[in-house]
């Protein structure tokens, strides 16, 4: 593979850091945009905010699952980064995978009113939903199309194009949220449907910018990217990498939700402290996700060349980059813990409680960062089932112990258990990676015709 030369040598650390930064900025700005939606709706009407929260309880995991499935495209794309003819079938079948999982996810989001009724959500909370779930269902499908393009761009190393697509969508979301929810100038106040239209517009803009970049600014420029007929066998090969990632995401969402429930059982203050600590972890952990994604193309190329030493070198550098990023963010958090925590609450008792738990929060995020990088390395090897089993075992034990630990030892015991689960994941993910990286690649290359 001619692309392998660009991923070897002592510059791996700098290359991974440079590739990860655009992805991190994209994810952080997207998270900030979602906070804007919540804030705007909260000032508009409480019942709208409650209905929004119910829908997002389904929409959030669905988007995470869709994105997880489509990340499975990255190693297949990286293998053919210099061969447009071999790459085209991968991109086309990846789009079919996106439409399949996107349609399934859209159906789940459209069923939010039914899910809410079956789950015992009061009618007063579901009544304001109106067309909102159906608008978000269309947003899921548009997000899937955009995620397909994003995964291909990451696999080809065009992370700045991913950032451009993400920032365009985020900017549209922020502007339209203010304009459509509250009504500014000639725009009517649409309330909750307005928030949905803003999210749909953001997804459509991001997908269009990403797909356009794929066609004009990559090795595929000048080639026809028509959808064509699906190839079930090739789709299955991509899905065999992506579906276990989706399962991993679902497990993590479910268990973290159970931890929030366990914290809420203690008292209101503990529930609030837990929520703030989770938000702080997410900001730092996102950096590790960006680093892990940045390393996948390099690992996939080395795997295709059966170069175990190069694979392990890339992962060592990726872990180092992730730890440096977490260290920088943690230093800022510790130094500015007062102002940072004040963003979430003005309650002095709550601020003090969060500050006291920063040491265990940092252990949680460091362990989570290392296991995430190892998990993304397994994506590069196309061996994602070990990650699914690791999460099922480690987080399965955590969810069983969560409520008894919280009842007996409070929030401190709950977060200590989370730290232990993440450390166990480090051992499991790193162990699987060391064993499987000795015999790359995991699956036959796809896309050859």
Protein backbone atom coordinates (compact mmCIF):
# COMPACT_ATOMS: atom_id res chain seq x y z
CA UNK A 1 0.00 0.00 0.00
CA UNK A 2 1.49 3.31 -0.96
CA UNK A 3 -0.38 5.04 1.84
CA UNK A 4 1.64 3.25 4.49
CA UNK A 5 4.65 5.49 4.07
CA UNK A 6 2.74 8.46 5.35
CA UNK A 7 1.96 6.81 8.65
CA UNK A 8 5.35 5.56 9.69
CA UNK A 9 8.24 7.12 11.55
CA UNK A 10 8.73 9.22 14.68
CA UNK A 11 6.12 11.78 13.63
CA UNK A 12 3.16 9.56 14.55
CA UNK A 13 2.52 11.56 17.73
CA UNK A 14 2.32 14.88 15.86
CA UNK A 15 0.27 13.38 13.01
CA UNK A 16 -2.27 11.84 15.38
CA UNK A 17 -2.57 15.05 17.40
CA UNK A 18 -3.03 17.12 14.25
CA UNK A 19 -5.65 14.71 12.88
CA UNK A 20 -7.52 14.53 16.20
CA UNK A 21 -7.84 18.27 16.84
CA UNK A 22 -10.42 18.99 14.07
CA UNK A 23 -12.49 16.01 15.21
CA UNK A 24 -12.40 17.16 18.84
CA UNK A 25 -13.46 20.70 17.92
CA UNK A 26 -16.30 19.28 15.83
CA UNK A 27 -17.64 17.15 18.69
CA UNK A 28 -17.27 19.85 21.33
CA UNK A 29 -19.11 22.47 19.26
CA UNK A 30 -21.88 19.97 18.51
CA UNK A 31 -22.28 19.34 22.25
CA UNK A 32 -22.41 23.08 22.89
CA UNK A 33 -25.13 23.44 20.25
CA UNK A 34 -27.28 20.84 21.99
CA UNK A 35 -27.00 22.88 25.20
CA UNK A 36 -28.29 25.89 23.28
CA UNK A 37 -31.41 23.94 22.27
CA UNK A 38 -32.03 23.00 25.90
CA UNK A 39 -31.52 26.56 27.13
CA UNK A 40 -33.72 28.16 24.46
CA UNK A 41 -36.56 25.71 25.07
CA UNK A 42 -36.22 26.13 28.83
CA UNK A 43 -36.81 29.85 28.46
CA UNK A 44 -39.67 29.26 26.02
CA UNK A 45 -41.88 26.85 27.99
CA UNK A 46 -41.34 24.23 30.67
CA UNK A 47 -43.68 21.72 29.05
CA UNK A 48 -41.72 22.02 25.79
CA UNK A 49 -38.48 21.36 27.64
CA UNK A 50 -39.97 18.26 29.29
CA UNK A 51 -41.20 16.91 25.93
CA UNK A 52 -37.78 17.67 24.43
CA UNK A 53 -36.07 15.69 27.21
CA UNK A 54 -38.32 12.66 26.61
CA UNK A 55 -37.54 12.65 22.89
CA UNK A 56 -33.83 13.16 23.40
CA UNK A 57 -33.77 10.13 25.72
CA UNK A 58 -34.42 8.09 22.55
CA UNK A 59 -32.77 10.34 19.97
CA UNK A 60 -29.40 10.52 21.76
CA UNK A 61 -28.77 6.75 21.94
CA UNK A 62 -30.10 6.29 18.38
CA UNK A 63 -27.63 8.83 16.98
CA UNK A 64 -24.80 7.26 18.96
CA UNK A 65 -25.69 3.80 17.61
CA UNK A 66 -25.94 5.04 14.02
CA UNK A 67 -22.57 6.78 14.33
CA UNK A 68 -21.07 3.65 15.90
CA UNK A 69 -22.20 1.42 13.05
CA UNK A 70 -20.81 3.80 10.44
CA UNK A 71 -17.43 4.08 12.16
CA UNK A 72 -16.97 0.51 11.02
CA UNK A 73 -16.39 1.88 7.49
CA UNK A 74 -13.14 3.63 8.40
CA UNK A 75 -10.68 0.70 8.17
CA UNK A 76 -12.13 -0.46 4.85
CA UNK A 77 -11.80 3.05 3.45
CA UNK A 78 -8.23 3.49 4.69
CA UNK A 79 -7.11 0.29 2.95
CA UNK A 80 -8.08 1.74 -0.44
CA UNK A 81 -7.18 5.39 0.14
CA UNK A 82 -5.02 5.46 -3.01
CA UNK A 83 -7.27 3.33 -5.22
CA UNK A 84 -10.50 5.08 -6.25
CA UNK A 85 -11.78 2.10 -8.22
CA UNK A 86 -11.55 -0.16 -5.18
CA UNK A 87 -12.82 2.58 -2.87
CA UNK A 88 -16.02 3.33 -4.78
CA UNK A 89 -17.81 0.06 -3.87
CA UNK A 90 -16.91 0.62 -0.21
CA UNK A 91 -18.42 4.12 -0.27
CA UNK A 92 -21.55 2.98 -2.08
CA UNK A 93 -22.20 0.05 0.22
CA UNK A 94 -21.41 2.27 3.18
CA UNK A 95 -24.18 4.57 2.03
CA UNK A 96 -26.57 1.63 1.89
CA UNK A 97 -25.55 0.71 5.44
CA UNK A 98 -26.22 4.32 6.45
CA UNK A 99 -29.68 4.30 4.88
CA UNK A 100 -30.51 0.98 6.53
CA UNK A 101 -29.46 1.89 10.08
CA UNK A 102 -30.71 5.46 9.61
CA UNK A 103 -34.18 4.25 8.64
CA UNK A 104 -34.28 1.90 11.61
CA UNK A 105 -33.21 4.67 13.96
CA UNK A 106 -35.72 7.08 12.42
CA UNK A 107 -38.52 4.59 13.08
CA UNK A 108 -37.46 4.37 16.74
CA UNK A 109 -37.50 8.16 17.16
CA UNK A 110 -40.85 8.48 15.38
CA UNK A 111 -42.25 5.98 17.90
CA UNK A 112 -41.39 8.22 20.88
CA UNK A 113 -45.08 9.00 21.67
CA UNK A 114 -45.84 5.27 21.78
CA UNK A 115 -42.68 4.50 23.77
CA UNK A 116 -43.59 7.28 26.20
CA UNK A 117 -47.10 5.95 26.75
CA UNK A 118 -45.82 2.41 27.30
CA UNK A 119 -43.21 3.76 29.72
CA UNK A 120 -45.78 5.57 31.82
CA UNK A 121 -44.85 9.13 30.81
CA UNK A 122 -47.75 11.45 31.75
CA UNK A 123 -50.02 12.60 28.94
CA UNK A 124 -49.31 16.23 29.90
CA UNK A 125 -45.64 15.67 29.01
CA UNK A 126 -46.33 13.89 25.71
CA UNK A 127 -49.06 16.27 24.51
CA UNK A 128 -46.66 19.10 23.44
CA UNK A 129 -44.66 16.72 21.22
CA UNK A 130 -46.77 17.29 18.12
CA UNK A 131 -44.66 16.86 14.99
CA UNK A 132 -41.35 17.06 16.87
CA UNK A 133 -40.55 13.28 16.90
CA UNK A 134 -41.26 13.01 13.16
CA UNK A 135 -39.02 15.96 12.37
CA UNK A 136 -36.25 14.38 14.44
CA UNK A 137 -36.83 11.06 12.66
CA UNK A 138 -35.95 12.81 9.39
CA UNK A 139 -32.94 14.29 11.19
CA UNK A 140 -31.73 10.78 12.09
CA UNK A 141 -31.75 9.77 8.44
CA UNK A 142 -29.91 12.94 7.40
CA UNK A 143 -27.38 12.39 10.20
CA UNK A 144 -26.75 8.84 8.97
CA UNK A 145 -26.00 10.12 5.47
CA UNK A 146 -23.66 12.73 6.93
CA UNK A 147 -21.99 10.19 9.21
CA UNK A 148 -21.34 7.94 6.23
CA UNK A 149 -19.49 10.76 4.47
CA UNK A 150 -17.70 11.67 7.69
CA UNK A 151 -16.42 8.13 8.23
CA UNK A 152 -15.11 8.01 4.66
CA UNK A 153 -13.40 11.39 5.08
CA UNK A 154 -11.78 10.27 8.34
CA UNK A 155 -10.66 7.04 6.69
CA UNK A 156 -9.05 9.11 3.92
CA UNK A 157 -7.40 11.46 6.42
CA UNK A 158 -9.48 14.55 5.52
CA UNK A 159 -10.44 15.45 9.07
CA UNK A 160 -10.55 19.18 8.39
CA UNK A 161 -13.32 18.58 5.89
CA UNK A 162 -15.22 16.71 8.61
CA UNK A 163 -14.76 19.73 10.87
CA UNK A 164 -16.01 22.08 8.16
CA UNK A 165 -19.17 20.03 7.67
CA UNK A 166 -19.75 19.79 11.42
CA UNK A 167 -19.21 23.49 12.07
CA UNK A 168 -21.54 24.49 9.23
CA UNK A 169 -24.27 22.31 10.68
CA UNK A 170 -23.66 23.53 14.22
CA UNK A 171 -23.74 27.19 13.19
CA UNK A 172 -27.06 26.63 11.43
CA UNK A 173 -28.46 24.85 14.49
CA UNK A 174 -27.57 27.68 16.86
CA UNK A 175 -28.92 30.47 14.63
CA UNK A 176 -32.12 28.63 13.75
CA UNK A 177 -32.76 27.55 17.36
CA UNK A 178 -32.99 31.17 18.44
CA UNK A 179 -34.92 32.19 15.36
CA UNK A 180 -37.46 29.37 15.12
CA UNK A 181 -38.10 28.54 18.78
CA UNK A 182 -38.57 32.04 20.14
CA UNK A 183 -39.36 33.88 16.93
CA UNK A 184 -37.00 36.69 15.91
CA UNK A 185 -37.97 39.44 13.48
CA UNK A 186 -40.31 38.09 10.78
CA UNK A 187 -39.86 34.49 11.95
CA UNK A 188 -42.83 33.07 13.92
CA UNK A 189 -42.36 31.43 17.31
CA UNK A 190 -42.66 27.70 16.59
CA UNK A 191 -41.60 26.37 19.99
CA UNK A 192 -40.69 22.69 20.07
CA UNK A 193 -41.23 22.04 16.31
CA UNK A 194 -38.91 24.98 15.68
CA UNK A 195 -36.16 23.24 17.64
CA UNK A 196 -36.75 20.12 15.56
CA UNK A 197 -36.51 22.08 12.30
CA UNK A 198 -33.27 23.65 13.49
CA UNK A 199 -31.81 20.21 14.23
CA UNK A 200 -33.03 18.85 10.88
CA UNK A 201 -31.53 21.79 9.00
CA UNK A 202 -28.23 21.29 10.81
CA UNK A 203 -28.18 17.59 9.89
CA UNK A 204 -29.04 18.31 6.25
CA UNK A 205 -26.42 21.04 5.92
CA UNK A 206 -23.75 18.87 7.55
CA UNK A 207 -24.63 15.95 5.27
CA UNK A 208 -24.61 18.10 2.13
CA UNK A 209 -21.28 19.74 2.98
CA UNK A 210 -19.73 16.36 3.83
CA UNK A 211 -21.02 14.63 0.70
CA UNK A 212 -19.93 17.56 -1.47
CA UNK A 213 -16.44 17.51 0.05
CA UNK A 214 -16.24 13.77 -0.60
CA UNK A 215 -17.00 14.29 -4.27
CA UNK A 216 -14.82 17.37 -4.87
CA UNK A 217 -11.87 17.31 -2.47
CA UNK A 218 -10.76 13.68 -2.19
CA UNK A 219 -9.34 10.93 -4.35
CA UNK A 220 -12.93 10.33 -5.51
CA UNK A 221 -13.14 13.71 -7.25
CA UNK A 222 -14.33 13.18 -10.81
CA UNK A 223 -15.83 9.76 -10.09
CA UNK A 224 -19.57 9.13 -10.12
CA UNK A 225 -20.81 8.36 -6.62
CA UNK A 226 -24.26 7.21 -7.60
CA UNK A 227 -25.86 4.90 -5.07
CA UNK A 228 -26.21 1.90 -7.39
CA UNK A 229 -27.41 -1.51 -6.28
CA UNK A 230 -26.50 -2.72 -2.77
CA UNK A 231 -24.14 -5.65 -2.34
CA UNK A 232 -25.46 -7.52 0.74
CA UNK A 233 -22.18 -9.41 1.20
CA UNK A 234 -20.07 -6.26 1.28
CA UNK A 235 -22.62 -4.48 3.45
CA UNK A 236 -22.43 -7.40 5.89
CA UNK A 237 -18.64 -7.13 6.04
CA UNK A 238 -18.86 -3.47 6.99
CA UNK A 239 -21.68 -4.13 9.43
CA UNK A 240 -19.72 -6.96 11.05
CA UNK A 241 -17.28 -4.30 12.26
CA UNK A 242 -19.85 -1.59 12.97
CA UNK A 243 -22.65 -3.47 14.72
CA UNK A 244 -20.57 -4.55 17.74
CA UNK A 245 -19.62 -0.88 18.13
CA UNK A 246 -23.30 -0.03 18.25
CA UNK A 247 -23.82 -2.68 20.91
CA UNK A 248 -20.94 -1.24 22.93
CA UNK A 249 -22.48 2.23 22.75
CA UNK A 250 -25.86 0.91 23.87
CA UNK A 251 -24.32 -0.85 26.85
CA UNK A 252 -22.48 2.29 27.91
CA UNK A 253 -25.59 4.48 27.55
CA UNK A 254 -27.70 2.00 29.50
CA UNK A 255 -25.23 1.59 32.34
CA UNK A 256 -24.54 5.32 32.69
CA UNK A 257 -28.30 5.82 32.83
CA UNK A 258 -28.50 3.23 35.59
CA UNK A 259 -25.75 5.06 37.49
CA UNK A 260 -27.75 8.29 37.27
CA UNK A 261 -30.76 6.44 38.68
CA UNK A 262 -28.60 5.04 41.52
CA UNK A 263 -27.29 8.53 42.30
CA UNK A 264 -30.82 9.94 42.30
CA UNK A 265 -31.81 7.34 44.92
CA UNK A 266 -29.32 8.82 47.39
CA UNK A 267 -30.62 12.41 47.47
CA UNK A 268 -31.14 15.43 45.23
CA UNK A 269 -27.69 16.89 45.92
CA UNK A 270 -25.96 13.63 45.00
CA UNK A 271 -27.96 13.41 41.78
CA UNK A 272 -26.95 16.96 40.85
CA UNK A 273 -23.28 16.33 41.71
CA UNK A 274 -23.32 13.16 39.65
CA UNK A 275 -24.74 15.05 36.66
CA UNK A 276 -22.05 17.74 36.85
CA UNK A 277 -19.26 15.16 37.20
CA UNK A 278 -20.56 13.24 34.17
CA UNK A 279 -20.58 16.46 32.14
CA UNK A 280 -16.96 17.18 33.10
CA UNK A 281 -15.93 13.63 32.18
CA UNK A 282 -17.63 13.92 28.79
CA UNK A 283 -15.72 17.08 27.87
CA UNK A 284 -12.38 15.39 28.58
CA UNK A 285 -13.32 11.95 27.24
CA UNK A 286 -14.33 13.44 23.89
CA UNK A 287 -10.66 14.24 23.28
CA UNK A 288 -9.81 10.53 23.58
CA UNK A 289 -12.58 9.64 21.12
CA UNK A 290 -11.11 12.11 18.62
CA UNK A 291 -7.62 10.67 19.10
CA UNK A 292 -8.88 7.12 18.71
CA UNK A 293 -10.64 7.95 15.44
CA UNK A 294 -7.54 9.72 14.14
CA UNK A 295 -5.47 6.57 14.63
CA UNK A 296 -7.84 4.15 12.87
CA UNK A 297 -6.68 4.85 9.27
CA UNK A 298 -3.02 4.41 10.22
CA UNK A 299 -3.72 1.14 12.00
CA UNK A 300 -5.83 -0.17 9.11
CA UNK A 301 -3.03 0.48 6.60
CA UNK A 302 -0.44 -1.21 8.79
CA UNK A 303 -2.83 -4.12 9.35
CA UNK A 304 -3.21 -4.58 5.60
CA UNK A 305 0.59 -4.71 5.39
CA UNK A 306 0.79 -7.20 8.29
CA UNK A 307 3.06 -4.83 10.23
CA UNK A 308 2.33 -5.60 13.89
CA UNK A 309 5.21 -3.46 15.17
CA UNK A 310 3.93 -0.38 13.32
CA UNK A 311 0.38 -0.99 14.58
CA UNK A 312 1.56 -1.08 18.17
CA UNK A 313 3.72 2.00 17.68
CA UNK A 314 0.71 3.95 16.40
CA UNK A 315 -1.38 2.87 19.39
CA UNK A 316 1.37 3.81 21.86
CA UNK A 317 1.53 7.26 20.31
CA UNK A 318 -2.26 7.56 20.28
CA UNK A 319 -2.41 6.69 23.98
CA UNK A 320 0.28 9.30 24.65
CA UNK A 321 -1.65 11.95 22.70
CA UNK A 322 -4.89 11.08 24.51
CA UNK A 323 -3.22 11.26 27.92
CA UNK A 324 -1.60 14.59 27.06
CA UNK A 325 -4.95 16.00 25.97
CA UNK A 326 -6.65 14.74 29.12
CA UNK A 327 -3.79 16.11 31.25
CA UNK A 328 -4.15 19.57 29.69
CA UNK A 329 -7.92 19.62 30.15
CA UNK A 330 -7.61 18.24 33.69
CA UNK A 331 -5.06 20.91 34.60
CA UNK A 332 -7.41 23.61 33.36
CA UNK A 333 -10.28 22.02 35.29
CA UNK A 334 -8.34 21.80 38.55
CA UNK A 335 -6.90 25.31 38.22
CA UNK A 336 -10.26 26.85 37.34
CA UNK A 337 -12.52 24.45 39.19
CA UNK A 338 -14.47 27.27 40.83
CA UNK A 339 -15.49 29.11 37.65
CA UNK A 340 -15.93 25.85 35.70
CA UNK A 341 -18.27 24.28 38.24
CA UNK A 342 -20.11 27.60 38.57
CA UNK A 343 -21.21 27.16 34.94
CA UNK A 344 -23.38 24.29 36.17
CA UNK A 345 -24.51 25.54 39.60
CA UNK A 346 -24.42 28.46 42.03
CA UNK A 347 -25.00 26.20 45.04
CA UNK A 348 -21.83 26.44 47.21
CA UNK A 349 -22.44 23.01 48.75
CA UNK A 350 -22.75 21.47 45.30
CA UNK A 351 -19.61 23.23 44.06
CA UNK A 352 -17.68 22.00 47.07
CA UNK A 353 -18.92 18.43 46.61
CA UNK A 354 -17.90 18.33 42.94
CA UNK A 355 -14.46 19.75 43.79
CA UNK A 356 -13.96 17.05 46.44
CA UNK A 357 -14.67 14.34 43.85
CA UNK A 358 -12.29 15.62 41.19
CA UNK A 359 -9.56 13.03 42.01
CA UNK A 360 -11.84 10.06 41.32
CA UNK A 361 -13.34 11.88 38.30
CA UNK A 362 -9.83 12.20 36.85
CA UNK A 363 -9.14 8.50 37.44
CA UNK A 364 -12.38 7.66 35.64
CA UNK A 365 -11.57 9.81 32.62
CA UNK A 366 -7.92 8.69 32.31
CA UNK A 367 -8.92 5.02 32.37
CA UNK A 368 -11.78 5.71 29.95
CA UNK A 369 -9.41 7.51 27.58
CA UNK A 370 -6.91 4.63 27.47
CA UNK A 371 -9.55 1.96 26.94
CA UNK A 372 -11.18 4.07 24.22
CA UNK A 373 -7.93 4.34 22.25
CA UNK A 374 -7.45 0.58 22.52
CA UNK A 375 -11.05 0.08 21.42
CA UNK A 376 -10.53 2.24 18.33
CA UNK A 377 -7.37 0.29 17.59
CA UNK A 378 -9.53 -2.83 17.45
CA UNK A 379 -11.70 -1.02 14.88
CA UNK A 380 -8.59 -0.54 12.77
CA UNK A 381 -7.99 -4.29 13.04
CA UNK A 382 -11.67 -4.94 12.21
CA UNK A 383 -12.04 -6.92 15.43
CA UNK A 384 -14.76 -5.17 17.42
CA UNK A 385 -16.50 -8.11 19.12
CA UNK A 386 -13.86 -8.15 21.92
CA UNK A 387 -14.87 -4.58 22.83
CA UNK A 388 -18.50 -5.61 23.03
CA UNK A 389 -17.68 -8.54 25.33
CA UNK A 390 -15.39 -6.35 27.46
CA UNK A 391 -18.12 -3.78 28.03
CA UNK A 392 -20.75 -6.45 28.61
CA UNK A 393 -18.66 -8.03 31.36
CA UNK A 394 -17.14 -4.97 33.06
CA UNK A 395 -20.16 -2.69 32.83
CA UNK A 396 -22.51 -5.60 33.44
CA UNK A 397 -20.92 -6.13 36.85
CA UNK A 398 -21.03 -2.37 37.45
CA UNK A 399 -24.76 -2.08 36.78
CA UNK A 400 -25.51 -5.01 39.09
CA UNK A 401 -23.51 -3.43 41.91
CA UNK A 402 -24.56 0.21 41.31
CA UNK A 403 -27.66 0.50 43.50
CA UNK A 404 -26.33 -1.54 46.46
CA UNK A 405 -23.07 0.43 46.42
CA UNK A 406 -24.86 3.78 46.20
CA UNK A 407 -27.18 2.83 49.07
CA UNK A 408 -24.29 1.66 51.23
CA UNK A 409 -21.52 4.12 50.39
CA UNK A 410 -23.14 7.05 48.65
CA UNK A 411 -21.85 8.87 45.59
CA UNK A 412 -18.22 8.23 46.49
CA UNK A 413 -18.69 4.47 46.34
CA UNK A 414 -20.58 4.76 43.04
CA UNK A 415 -17.78 6.70 41.35
CA UNK A 416 -15.12 4.43 42.82
CA UNK A 417 -16.95 1.50 41.25
CA UNK A 418 -17.06 3.34 37.90
CA UNK A 419 -13.31 3.95 38.14
CA UNK A 420 -12.71 0.26 38.84
CA UNK A 421 -14.90 -0.75 35.88
CA UNK A 422 -12.96 1.56 33.56
CA UNK A 423 -9.62 0.23 34.83
CA UNK A 424 -10.86 -3.30 34.17
CA UNK A 425 -11.78 -2.18 30.65
CA UNK A 426 -8.22 -0.92 30.15
CA UNK A 427 -6.87 -4.35 31.02
CA UNK A 428 -9.42 -6.12 28.79
CA UNK A 429 -9.17 -3.83 25.77
CA UNK A 430 -5.38 -3.60 25.89
CA UNK A 431 -5.10 -7.36 26.34
CA UNK A 432 -7.30 -8.08 23.33
CA UNK A 433 -5.41 -5.53 21.26
CA UNK A 434 -1.98 -6.98 22.09
CA UNK A 435 -3.16 -10.48 21.23
CA UNK A 436 -5.02 -9.59 18.03
CA UNK A 437 -2.48 -7.11 16.68
CA UNK A 438 0.04 -9.92 16.43
CA UNK A 439 -1.90 -11.40 13.48
CA UNK A 440 -3.41 -8.55 11.42
CA UNK A 441 -5.58 -8.02 9.44
CA UNK A 442 -8.76 -9.32 11.02
CA UNK A 443 -11.02 -9.57 7.99
CA UNK A 444 -10.50 -9.80 4.26
CA UNK A 445 -10.31 -6.44 2.53
CA UNK A 446 -13.57 -5.29 1.04
CA UNK A 447 -14.34 -3.25 -1.99
CA UNK A 448 -12.42 -5.30 -4.57
CA UNK A 449 -14.37 -6.19 -7.63
